[in-house]
Amino acid sequence: MAVLTVLWGVTRWDNLSAWMSGEARSAALDAARANDLHLHSRALFYYAIVAILLGTQLTALGFLAELLTAQRAGEEPPYLVSECIGSESACDEERRDEEPS
């Protein structure tokens, strides 16, 4: 999107400089307008819009996943993986001992 913005600005710079110098209807201004970058005619413009929308959706989905994970983490007692590596039955017994009855 930044590349498109820079290219669009560069193509408009000739129009701006001609307008500021008072050459509103010169042949140079008409030639500059013919070479303008029209964003709606570039596929990159639409790809950039889709990428921004997709990134926003994925970020929102990540935040929701973090909220659900944080909410469910309060239901189970915490345990360390290093304590449970020896045997699964020892880990299960330890978790049962920590759970309130």
PDB file of N, CA and C in Angstrom:
ATOM      1  N   MET A   1       0.828  -1.179   0.000  1.00  0.00           N
ATOM      2  CA  MET A   1       0.000   0.000   0.000  1.00  0.00           C
ATOM      3  C   MET A   1       0.882   1.255   0.000  1.00  0.00           C
ATOM      4  N   ALA A   2       2.012   1.171   0.702  1.00  0.00           N
ATOM      5  CA  ALA A   2       2.922   2.319   0.735  1.00  0.00           C
ATOM      6  C   ALA A   2       3.518   2.582  -0.645  1.00  0.00           C
ATOM      7  N   VAL A   3       3.817   1.509  -1.369  1.00  0.00           N
ATOM      8  CA  VAL A   3       4.367   1.669  -2.722  1.00  0.00           C
ATOM      9  C   VAL A   3       3.358   2.373  -3.615  1.00  0.00           C
ATOM     10  N   LEU A   4       2.109   1.960  -3.532  1.00  0.00           N
ATOM     11  CA  LEU A   4       1.073   2.606  -4.339  1.00  0.00           C
ATOM     12  C   LEU A   4       0.909   4.074  -3.957  1.00  0.00           C
ATOM     13  N   THR A   5       0.993   4.371  -2.676  1.00  0.00           N
ATOM     14  CA  THR A   5       0.860   5.754  -2.224  1.00  0.00           C
ATOM     15  C   THR A   5       1.982   6.622  -2.784  1.00  0.00           C
ATOM     16  N   VAL A   6       3.199   6.102  -2.739  1.00  0.00           N
ATOM     17  CA  VAL A   6       4.340   6.865  -3.262  1.00  0.00           C
ATOM     18  C   VAL A   6       4.207   7.062  -4.770  1.00  0.00           C
ATOM     19  N   LEU A   7       3.859   6.001  -5.492  1.00  0.00           N
ATOM     20  CA  LEU A   7       3.704   6.129  -6.947  1.00  0.00           C
ATOM     21  C   LEU A   7       2.594   7.103  -7.311  1.00  0.00           C
ATOM     22  N   TRP A   8       1.510   7.057  -6.575  1.00  0.00           N
ATOM     23  CA  TRP A   8       0.404   7.981  -6.833  1.00  0.00           C
ATOM     24  C   TRP A   8       0.857   9.418  -6.596  1.00  0.00           C
ATOM     25  N   GLY A   9       1.586   9.646  -5.503  1.00  0.00           N
ATOM     26  CA  GLY A   9       2.074  10.990  -5.206  1.00  0.00           C
ATOM     27  C   GLY A   9       3.049  11.509  -6.242  1.00  0.00           C
ATOM     28  N   VAL A  10       3.916  10.632  -6.730  1.00  0.00           N
ATOM     29  CA  VAL A  10       4.889  11.043  -7.750  1.00  0.00           C
ATOM     30  C   VAL A  10       4.179  11.442  -9.037  1.00  0.00           C
ATOM     31  N   THR A  11       3.174  10.690  -9.432  1.00  0.00           N
ATOM     32  CA  THR A  11       2.467  11.036 -10.670  1.00  0.00           C
ATOM     33  C   THR A  11       1.655  12.312 -10.513  1.00  0.00           C
ATOM     34  N   ARG A  12       1.268  12.637  -9.307  1.00  0.00           N
ATOM     35  CA  ARG A  12       0.499  13.866  -9.083  1.00  0.00           C
ATOM     36  C   ARG A  12       1.392  15.086  -8.875  1.00  0.00           C
ATOM     37  N   TRP A  13       2.694  14.876  -8.644  1.00  0.00           N
ATOM     38  CA  TRP A  13       3.602  15.986  -8.365  1.00  0.00           C
ATOM     39  C   TRP A  13       3.693  16.945  -9.552  1.00  0.00           C
ATOM     40  N   ASP A  14       3.703  16.409 -10.767  1.00  0.00           N
ATOM     41  CA  ASP A  14       3.762  17.272 -11.954  1.00  0.00           C
ATOM     42  C   ASP A  14       2.521  18.151 -12.040  1.00  0.00           C
ATOM     43  N   ASN A  15       1.375  17.586 -11.737  1.00  0.00           N
ATOM     44  CA  ASN A  15       0.136  18.370 -11.754  1.00  0.00           C
ATOM     45  C   ASN A  15       0.189  19.492 -10.724  1.00  0.00           C
ATOM     46  N   LEU A  16       0.706  19.196  -9.550  1.00  0.00           N
ATOM     47  CA  LEU A  16       0.774  20.193  -8.486  1.00  0.00           C
ATOM     48  C   LEU A  16       1.744  21.315  -8.846  1.00  0.00           C
ATOM     49  N   SER A  17       2.907  20.956  -9.371  1.00  0.00           N
ATOM     50  CA  SER A  17       3.886  21.996  -9.716  1.00  0.00           C
ATOM     51  C   SER A  17       3.380  22.867 -10.866  1.00  0.00           C
ATOM     52  N   ALA A  18       2.684  22.271 -11.833  1.00  0.00           N
ATOM     53  CA  ALA A  18       2.128  23.060 -12.939  1.00  0.00           C
ATOM     54  C   ALA A  18       1.010  23.967 -12.436  1.00  0.00           C
ATOM     55  N   TRP A  19       0.212  23.486 -11.528  1.00  0.00           N
ATOM     56  CA  TRP A  19      -0.889  24.291 -10.983  1.00  0.00           C
ATOM     57  C   TRP A  19      -0.351  25.465 -10.173  1.00  0.00           C
ATOM     58  N   MET A  20       0.710  25.221  -9.390  1.00  0.00           N
ATOM     59  CA  MET A  20       1.279  26.284  -8.566  1.00  0.00           C
ATOM     60  C   MET A  20       1.973  27.347  -9.421  1.00  0.00           C
ATOM     61  N   SER A  21       2.483  26.962 -10.582  1.00  0.00           N
ATOM     62  CA  SER A  21       3.153  27.948 -11.436  1.00  0.00           C
ATOM     63  C   SER A  21       2.159  28.706 -12.306  1.00  0.00           C
ATOM     64  N   GLY A  22       0.898  28.339 -12.266  1.00  0.00           N
ATOM     65  CA  GLY A  22      -0.121  29.053 -13.012  1.00  0.00           C
ATOM     66  C   GLY A  22      -0.397  28.489 -14.386  1.00  0.00           C
ATOM     67  N   GLU A  23       0.176  27.392 -14.720  1.00  0.00           N
ATOM     68  CA  GLU A  23      -0.050  26.778 -16.027  1.00  0.00           C
ATOM     69  C   GLU A  23      -1.222  25.804 -15.932  1.00  0.00           C
ATOM     70  N   ALA A  24      -2.388  26.313 -15.731  1.00  0.00           N
ATOM     71  CA  ALA A  24      -3.542  25.451 -15.488  1.00  0.00           C
ATOM     72  C   ALA A  24      -3.937  24.630 -16.700  1.00  0.00           C
ATOM     73  N   ARG A  25      -3.798  25.161 -17.901  1.00  0.00           N
ATOM     74  CA  ARG A  25      -4.241  24.440 -19.096  1.00  0.00           C
ATOM     75  C   ARG A  25      -3.116  24.281 -20.111  1.00  0.00           C
ATOM     76  N   SER A  26      -1.960  23.975 -19.657  1.00  0.00           N
ATOM     77  CA  SER A  26      -0.853  23.826 -20.603  1.00  0.00           C
ATOM     78  C   SER A  26      -0.822  22.410 -21.169  1.00  0.00           C
ATOM     79  N   ALA A  27      -0.075  22.246 -22.226  1.00  0.00           N
ATOM     80  CA  ALA A  27       0.075  20.920 -22.834  1.00  0.00           C
ATOM     81  C   ALA A  27       0.833  19.983 -21.899  1.00  0.00           C
ATOM     82  N   ALA A  28       1.763  20.560 -21.119  1.00  0.00           N
ATOM     83  CA  ALA A  28       2.517  19.735 -20.170  1.00  0.00           C
ATOM     84  C   ALA A  28       1.597  19.168 -19.093  1.00  0.00           C
ATOM     85  N   LEU A  29       0.635  19.977 -18.663  1.00  0.00           N
ATOM     86  CA  LEU A  29      -0.302  19.511 -17.642  1.00  0.00           C
ATOM     87  C   LEU A  29      -1.195  18.415 -18.191  1.00  0.00           C
ATOM     88  N   ASP A  30      -1.642  18.580 -19.430  1.00  0.00           N
ATOM     89  CA  ASP A  30      -2.473  17.545 -20.048  1.00  0.00           C
ATOM     90  C   ASP A  30      -1.690  16.250 -20.241  1.00  0.00           C
ATOM     91  N   ALA A  31      -0.415  16.358 -20.605  1.00  0.00           N
ATOM     92  CA  ALA A  31       0.417  15.160 -20.765  1.00  0.00           C
ATOM     93  C   ALA A  31       0.654  14.484 -19.422  1.00  0.00           C
ATOM     94  N   ALA A  32       0.832  15.285 -18.381  1.00  0.00           N
ATOM     95  CA  ALA A  32       1.039  14.717 -17.047  1.00  0.00           C
ATOM     96  C   ALA A  32      -0.210  13.993 -16.569  1.00  0.00           C
ATOM     97  N   ARG A  33      -1.371  14.541 -16.867  1.00  0.00           N
ATOM     98  CA  ARG A  33      -2.618  13.889 -16.463  1.00  0.00           C
ATOM     99  C   ARG A  33      -2.816  12.569 -17.193  1.00  0.00           C
ATOM    100  N   ALA A  34      -2.328  12.475 -18.416  1.00  0.00           N
ATOM    101  CA  ALA A  34      -2.462  11.229 -19.179  1.00  0.00           C
ATOM    102  C   ALA A  34      -1.617  10.122 -18.570  1.00  0.00           C
ATOM    103  N   ASN A  35      -0.534  10.481 -17.887  1.00  0.00           N
ATOM    104  CA  ASN A  35       0.354   9.488 -17.286  1.00  0.00           C
ATOM    105  C   ASN A  35       0.073   9.254 -15.808  1.00  0.00           C
ATOM    106  N   ASP A  36      -1.017   9.775 -15.291  1.00  0.00           N
ATOM    107  CA  ASP A  36      -1.345   9.591 -13.881  1.00  0.00           C
ATOM    108  C   ASP A  36      -1.563   8.117 -13.556  1.00  0.00           C
ATOM    109  N   LEU A  37      -1.248   7.770 -12.332  1.00  0.00           N
ATOM    110  CA  LEU A  37      -1.490   6.415 -11.850  1.00  0.00           C
ATOM    111  C   LEU A  37      -2.898   6.361 -11.270  1.00  0.00           C
ATOM    112  N   HIS A  38      -3.736   5.550 -11.853  1.00  0.00           N
ATOM    113  CA  HIS A  38      -5.101   5.374 -11.362  1.00  0.00           C
ATOM    114  C   HIS A  38      -5.140   4.095 -10.539  1.00  0.00           C
ATOM    115  N   LEU A  39      -5.345   4.241  -9.237  1.00  0.00           N
ATOM    116  CA  LEU A  39      -5.255   3.097  -8.337  1.00  0.00           C
ATOM    117  C   LEU A  39      -6.309   2.040  -8.623  1.00  0.00           C
ATOM    118  N   HIS A  40      -7.486   2.451  -9.041  1.00  0.00           N
ATOM    119  CA  HIS A  40      -8.546   1.470  -9.273  1.00  0.00           C
ATOM    120  C   HIS A  40      -8.255   0.557 -10.457  1.00  0.00           C
ATOM    121  N   SER A  41      -7.284   0.901 -11.270  1.00  0.00           N
ATOM    122  CA  SER A  41      -6.954   0.056 -12.422  1.00  0.00           C
ATOM    123  C   SER A  41      -5.790  -0.887 -12.130  1.00  0.00           C
ATOM    124  N   ARG A  42      -5.300  -0.900 -10.911  1.00  0.00           N
ATOM    125  CA  ARG A  42      -4.178  -1.757 -10.530  1.00  0.00           C
ATOM    126  C   ARG A  42      -4.665  -2.894  -9.638  1.00  0.00           C
ATOM    127  N   ALA A  43      -4.254  -4.112  -9.945  1.00  0.00           N
ATOM    128  CA  ALA A  43      -4.628  -5.264  -9.120  1.00  0.00           C
ATOM    129  C   ALA A  43      -3.966  -5.184  -7.746  1.00  0.00           C
ATOM    130  N   LEU A  44      -2.784  -4.585  -7.683  1.00  0.00           N
ATOM    131  CA  LEU A  44      -2.077  -4.474  -6.413  1.00  0.00           C
ATOM    132  C   LEU A  44      -2.890  -3.695  -5.383  1.00  0.00           C
ATOM    133  N   PHE A  45      -3.642  -2.723  -5.828  1.00  0.00           N
ATOM    134  CA  PHE A  45      -4.491  -1.939  -4.931  1.00  0.00           C
ATOM    135  C   PHE A  45      -5.525  -2.835  -4.251  1.00  0.00           C
ATOM    136  N   TYR A  46      -6.168  -3.683  -5.025  1.00  0.00           N
ATOM    137  CA  TYR A  46      -7.188  -4.570  -4.464  1.00  0.00           C
ATOM    138  C   TYR A  46      -6.561  -5.660  -3.598  1.00  0.00           C
ATOM    139  N   TYR A  47      -5.393  -6.152  -3.988  1.00  0.00           N
ATOM    140  CA  TYR A  47      -4.695  -7.126  -3.153  1.00  0.00           C
ATOM    141  C   TYR A  47      -4.325  -6.515  -1.805  1.00  0.00           C
ATOM    142  N   ALA A  48      -3.901  -5.263  -1.807  1.00  0.00           N
ATOM    143  CA  ALA A  48      -3.538  -4.595  -0.559  1.00  0.00           C
ATOM    144  C   ALA A  48      -4.754  -4.419   0.340  1.00  0.00           C
ATOM    145  N   ILE A  49      -5.892  -4.065  -0.239  1.00  0.00           N
ATOM    146  CA  ILE A  49      -7.112  -3.911   0.559  1.00  0.00           C
ATOM    147  C   ILE A  49      -7.520  -5.246   1.173  1.00  0.00           C
ATOM    148  N   VAL A  50      -7.477  -6.313   0.391  1.00  0.00           N
ATOM    149  CA  VAL A  50      -7.829  -7.643   0.904  1.00  0.00           C
ATOM    150  C   VAL A  50      -6.852  -8.067   1.998  1.00  0.00           C
ATOM    151  N   ALA A  51      -5.571  -7.789   1.828  1.00  0.00           N
ATOM    152  CA  ALA A  51      -4.579  -8.146   2.840  1.00  0.00           C
ATOM    153  C   ALA A  51      -4.821  -7.391   4.144  1.00  0.00           C
ATOM    154  N   ILE A  52      -5.192  -6.131   4.064  1.00  0.00           N
ATOM    155  CA  ILE A  52      -5.486  -5.351   5.271  1.00  0.00           C
ATOM    156  C   ILE A  52      -6.718  -5.902   5.978  1.00  0.00           C
ATOM    157  N   LEU A  53      -7.758  -6.214   5.218  1.00  0.00           N
ATOM    158  CA  LEU A  53      -8.969  -6.776   5.824  1.00  0.00           C
ATOM    159  C   LEU A  53      -8.701  -8.143   6.444  1.00  0.00           C
ATOM    160  N   LEU A  54      -7.959  -8.988   5.760  1.00  0.00           N
ATOM    161  CA  LEU A  54      -7.647 -10.311   6.276  1.00  0.00           C
ATOM    162  C   LEU A  54      -6.781 -10.210   7.531  1.00  0.00           C
ATOM    163  N   GLY A  55      -5.823  -9.318   7.528  1.00  0.00           N
ATOM    164  CA  GLY A  55      -4.986  -9.116   8.710  1.00  0.00           C
ATOM    165  C   GLY A  55      -5.780  -8.637   9.903  1.00  0.00           C
ATOM    166  N   THR A  56      -6.734  -7.754   9.667  1.00  0.00           N
ATOM    167  CA  THR A  56      -7.592  -7.266  10.748  1.00  0.00           C
ATOM    168  C   THR A  56      -8.433  -8.397  11.320  1.00  0.00           C
ATOM    169  N   GLN A  57      -8.986  -9.228  10.456  1.00  0.00           N
ATOM    170  CA  GLN A  57      -9.802 -10.349  10.923  1.00  0.00           C
ATOM    171  C   GLN A  57      -8.969 -11.355  11.709  1.00  0.00           C
ATOM    172  N   LEU A  58      -7.777 -11.665  11.236  1.00  0.00           N
ATOM    173  CA  LEU A  58      -6.928 -12.613  11.949  1.00  0.00           C
ATOM    174  C   LEU A  58      -6.478 -12.063  13.297  1.00  0.00           C
ATOM    175  N   THR A  59      -6.209 -10.775  13.366  1.00  0.00           N
ATOM    176  CA  THR A  59      -5.844 -10.162  14.638  1.00  0.00           C
ATOM    177  C   THR A  59      -7.004 -10.228  15.623  1.00  0.00           C
ATOM    178  N   ALA A  60      -8.210  -9.932  15.164  1.00  0.00           N
ATOM    179  CA  ALA A  60      -9.387 -10.014  16.033  1.00  0.00           C
ATOM    180  C   ALA A  60      -9.623 -11.445  16.492  1.00  0.00           C
ATOM    181  N   LEU A  61      -9.429 -12.410  15.615  1.00  0.00           N
ATOM    182  CA  LEU A  61      -9.593 -13.814  15.981  1.00  0.00           C
ATOM    183  C   LEU A  61      -8.548 -14.223  17.019  1.00  0.00           C
ATOM    184  N   GLY A  62      -7.338 -13.725  16.888  1.00  0.00           N
ATOM    185  CA  GLY A  62      -6.296 -14.003  17.878  1.00  0.00           C
ATOM    186  C   GLY A  62      -6.635 -13.434  19.241  1.00  0.00           C
ATOM    187  N   PHE A  63      -7.174 -12.225  19.279  1.00  0.00           N
ATOM    188  CA  PHE A  63      -7.588 -11.644  20.558  1.00  0.00           C
ATOM    189  C   PHE A  63      -8.707 -12.453  21.198  1.00  0.00           C
ATOM    190  N   LEU A  64      -9.668 -12.903  20.395  1.00  0.00           N
ATOM    191  CA  LEU A  64     -10.750 -13.730  20.936  1.00  0.00           C
ATOM    192  C   LEU A  64     -10.212 -15.054  21.476  1.00  0.00           C
ATOM    193  N   ALA A  65      -9.264 -15.651  20.778  1.00  0.00           N
ATOM    194  CA  ALA A  65      -8.667 -16.898  21.253  1.00  0.00           C
ATOM    195  C   ALA A  65      -7.942 -16.684  22.578  1.00  0.00           C
ATOM    196  N   GLU A  66      -7.248 -15.573  22.712  1.00  0.00           N
ATOM    197  CA  GLU A  66      -6.574 -15.268  23.978  1.00  0.00           C
ATOM    198  C   GLU A  66      -7.582 -15.073  25.107  1.00  0.00           C
ATOM    199  N   LEU A  67      -8.697 -14.417  24.813  1.00  0.00           N
ATOM    200  CA  LEU A  67      -9.724 -14.233  25.840  1.00  0.00           C
ATOM    201  C   LEU A  67     -10.306 -15.564  26.293  1.00  0.00           C
ATOM    202  N   LEU A  68     -10.596 -16.450  25.343  1.00  0.00           N
ATOM    203  CA  LEU A  68     -11.132 -17.763  25.701  1.00  0.00           C
ATOM    204  C   LEU A  68     -10.112 -18.579  26.484  1.00  0.00           C
ATOM    205  N   THR A  69      -8.860 -18.522  26.088  1.00  0.00           N
ATOM    206  CA  THR A  69      -7.814 -19.257  26.794  1.00  0.00           C
ATOM    207  C   THR A  69      -7.666 -18.743  28.220  1.00  0.00           C
ATOM    208  N   ALA A  70      -7.678 -17.447  28.391  1.00  0.00           N
ATOM    209  CA  ALA A  70      -7.547 -16.871  29.732  1.00  0.00           C
ATOM    210  C   ALA A  70      -8.747 -17.211  30.601  1.00  0.00           C
ATOM    211  N   GLN A  71      -9.924 -17.253  30.012  1.00  0.00           N
ATOM    212  CA  GLN A  71     -11.125 -17.565  30.777  1.00  0.00           C
ATOM    213  C   GLN A  71     -11.122 -19.024  31.230  1.00  0.00           C
ATOM    214  N   ARG A  72     -10.719 -19.923  30.361  1.00  0.00           N
ATOM    215  CA  ARG A  72     -10.732 -21.350  30.698  1.00  0.00           C
ATOM    216  C   ARG A  72      -9.553 -21.747  31.572  1.00  0.00           C
ATOM    217  N   ALA A  73      -8.511 -20.970  31.593  1.00  0.00           N
ATOM    218  CA  ALA A  73      -7.343 -21.303  32.406  1.00  0.00           C
ATOM    219  C   ALA A  73      -7.667 -21.210  33.889  1.00  0.00           C
ATOM    220  N   GLY A  74      -8.642 -20.416  34.262  1.00  0.00           N
ATOM    221  CA  GLY A  74      -9.012 -20.286  35.661  1.00  0.00           C
ATOM    222  C   GLY A  74      -9.734 -21.504  36.203  1.00  0.00           C
ATOM    223  N   GLU A  75     -10.286 -22.360  35.340  1.00  0.00           N
ATOM    224  CA  GLU A  75     -11.042 -23.524  35.783  1.00  0.00           C
ATOM    225  C   GLU A  75     -10.141 -24.672  36.220  1.00  0.00           C
ATOM    226  N   GLU A  76      -8.974 -24.831  35.629  1.00  0.00           N
ATOM    227  CA  GLU A  76      -8.080 -25.932  35.945  1.00  0.00           C
ATOM    228  C   GLU A  76      -6.915 -25.430  36.785  1.00  0.00           C
ATOM    229  N   PRO A  77      -6.476 -26.245  37.742  1.00  0.00           N
ATOM    230  CA  PRO A  77      -5.312 -25.828  38.527  1.00  0.00           C
ATOM    231  C   PRO A  77      -4.054 -25.868  37.664  1.00  0.00           C
ATOM    232  N   PRO A  78      -3.158 -24.940  37.875  1.00  0.00           N
ATOM    233  CA  PRO A  78      -1.944 -24.916  37.055  1.00  0.00           C
ATOM    234  C   PRO A  78      -1.013 -26.071  37.426  1.00  0.00           C
ATOM    235  N   TYR A  79      -0.244 -26.530  36.465  1.00  0.00           N
ATOM    236  CA  TYR A  79       0.746 -27.574  36.710  1.00  0.00           C
ATOM    237  C   TYR A  79       1.956 -27.310  35.833  1.00  0.00           C
ATOM    238  N   LEU A  80       3.070 -27.858  36.248  1.00  0.00           N
ATOM    239  CA  LEU A  80       4.305 -27.704  35.494  1.00  0.00           C
ATOM    240  C   LEU A  80       4.548 -28.960  34.673  1.00  0.00           C
ATOM    241  N   VAL A  81       4.950 -28.785  33.445  1.00  0.00           N
ATOM    242  CA  VAL A  81       5.232 -29.927  32.583  1.00  0.00           C
ATOM    243  C   VAL A  81       6.387 -30.743  33.155  1.00  0.00           C
ATOM    244  N   SER A  82       7.370 -30.081  33.733  1.00  0.00           N
ATOM    245  CA  SER A  82       8.528 -30.792  34.284  1.00  0.00           C
ATOM    246  C   SER A  82       8.129 -31.708  35.434  1.00  0.00           C
ATOM    247  N   GLU A  83       7.074 -31.409  36.163  1.00  0.00           N
ATOM    248  CA  GLU A  83       6.608 -32.270  37.246  1.00  0.00           C
ATOM    249  C   GLU A  83       5.853 -33.476  36.712  1.00  0.00           C
ATOM    250  N   CYS A  84       5.285 -33.377  35.532  1.00  0.00           N
ATOM    251  CA  CYS A  84       4.429 -34.434  34.996  1.00  0.00           C
ATOM    252  C   CYS A  84       5.127 -35.313  33.970  1.00  0.00           C
ATOM    253  N   ILE A  85       6.383 -35.080  33.684  1.00  0.00           N
ATOM    254  CA  ILE A  85       7.059 -35.851  32.644  1.00  0.00           C
ATOM    255  C   ILE A  85       7.314 -37.285  33.097  1.00  0.00           C
ATOM    256  N   GLY A  86       7.609 -37.493  34.373  1.00  0.00           N
ATOM    257  CA  GLY A  86       7.949 -38.829  34.867  1.00  0.00           C
ATOM    258  C   GLY A  86       6.905 -39.869  34.519  1.00  0.00           C
ATOM    259  N   SER A  87       5.685 -39.662  34.923  1.00  0.00           N
ATOM    260  CA  SER A  87       4.606 -40.589  34.578  1.00  0.00           C
ATOM    261  C   SER A  87       3.303 -39.821  34.577  1.00  0.00           C
ATOM    262  N   GLU A  88       2.438 -40.233  33.694  1.00  0.00           N
ATOM    263  CA  GLU A  88       1.158 -39.534  33.595  1.00  0.00           C
ATOM    264  C   GLU A  88       0.291 -39.784  34.821  1.00  0.00           C
ATOM    265  N   SER A  89       0.400 -40.958  35.412  1.00  0.00           N
ATOM    266  CA  SER A  89      -0.434 -41.253  36.584  1.00  0.00           C
ATOM    267  C   SER A  89      -0.053 -40.362  37.761  1.00  0.00           C
ATOM    268  N   ALA A  90       1.245 -40.051  37.901  1.00  0.00           N
ATOM    269  CA  ALA A  90       1.671 -39.165  38.987  1.00  0.00           C
ATOM    270  C   ALA A  90       1.107 -37.764  38.779  1.00  0.00           C
ATOM    271  N   CYS A  91       1.086 -37.334  37.548  1.00  0.00           N
ATOM    272  CA  CYS A  91       0.549 -36.008  37.235  1.00  0.00           C
ATOM    273  C   CYS A  91      -0.950 -35.972  37.498  1.00  0.00           C
ATOM    274  N   ASP A  92      -1.657 -37.036  37.091  1.00  0.00           N
ATOM    275  CA  ASP A  92      -3.102 -37.082  37.317  1.00  0.00           C
ATOM    276  C   ASP A  92      -3.428 -37.107  38.803  1.00  0.00           C
ATOM    277  N   GLU A  93      -2.638 -37.869  39.586  1.00  0.00           N
ATOM    278  CA  GLU A  93      -2.867 -37.919  41.036  1.00  0.00           C
ATOM    279  C   GLU A  93      -2.621 -36.553  41.660  1.00  0.00           C
ATOM    280  N   GLU A  94      -1.567 -35.884  41.201  1.00  0.00           N
ATOM    281  CA  GLU A  94      -1.246 -34.558  41.739  1.00  0.00           C
ATOM    282  C   GLU A  94      -2.358 -33.562  41.434  1.00  0.00           C
ATOM    283  N   ARG A  95      -2.904 -33.637  40.240  1.00  0.00           N
ATOM    284  CA  ARG A  95      -3.981 -32.716  39.862  1.00  0.00           C
ATOM    285  C   ARG A  95      -5.243 -33.024  40.653  1.00  0.00           C
ATOM    286  N   ARG A  96      -5.520 -34.307  40.908  1.00  0.00           N
ATOM    287  CA  ARG A  96      -6.707 -34.662  41.694  1.00  0.00           C
ATOM    288  C   ARG A  96      -6.568 -34.180  43.133  1.00  0.00           C
ATOM    289  N   ASP A  97      -5.335 -34.229  43.654  1.00  0.00           N
ATOM    290  CA  ASP A  97      -5.114 -33.766  45.028  1.00  0.00           C
ATOM    291  C   ASP A  97      -5.327 -32.269  45.154  1.00  0.00           C
ATOM    292  N   GLU A  98      -5.011 -31.516  44.093  1.00  0.00           N
ATOM    293  CA  GLU A  98      -5.142 -30.063  44.141  1.00  0.00           C
ATOM    294  C   GLU A  98      -6.563 -29.584  43.915  1.00  0.00           C
ATOM    295  N   GLU A  99      -7.403 -30.407  43.285  1.00  0.00           N
ATOM    296  CA  GLU A  99      -8.777 -29.984  42.992  1.00  0.00           C
ATOM    297  C   GLU A  99      -9.606 -29.961  44.272  1.00  0.00           C
ATOM    298  N   PRO A 100     -10.392 -28.908  44.448  1.00  0.00           N
ATOM    299  CA  PRO A 100     -11.275 -28.874  45.621  1.00  0.00           C
ATOM    300  C   PRO A 100     -12.427 -29.861  45.428  1.00  0.00           C
ATOM    301  N   SER A 101     -12.793 -30.524  46.494  1.00  0.00           N
ATOM    302  CA  SER A 101     -13.873 -31.516  46.406  1.00  0.00           C
ATOM    303  C   SER A 101     -15.217 -30.912  46.680  1.00  0.00           C
TER     304      SER A 101
END
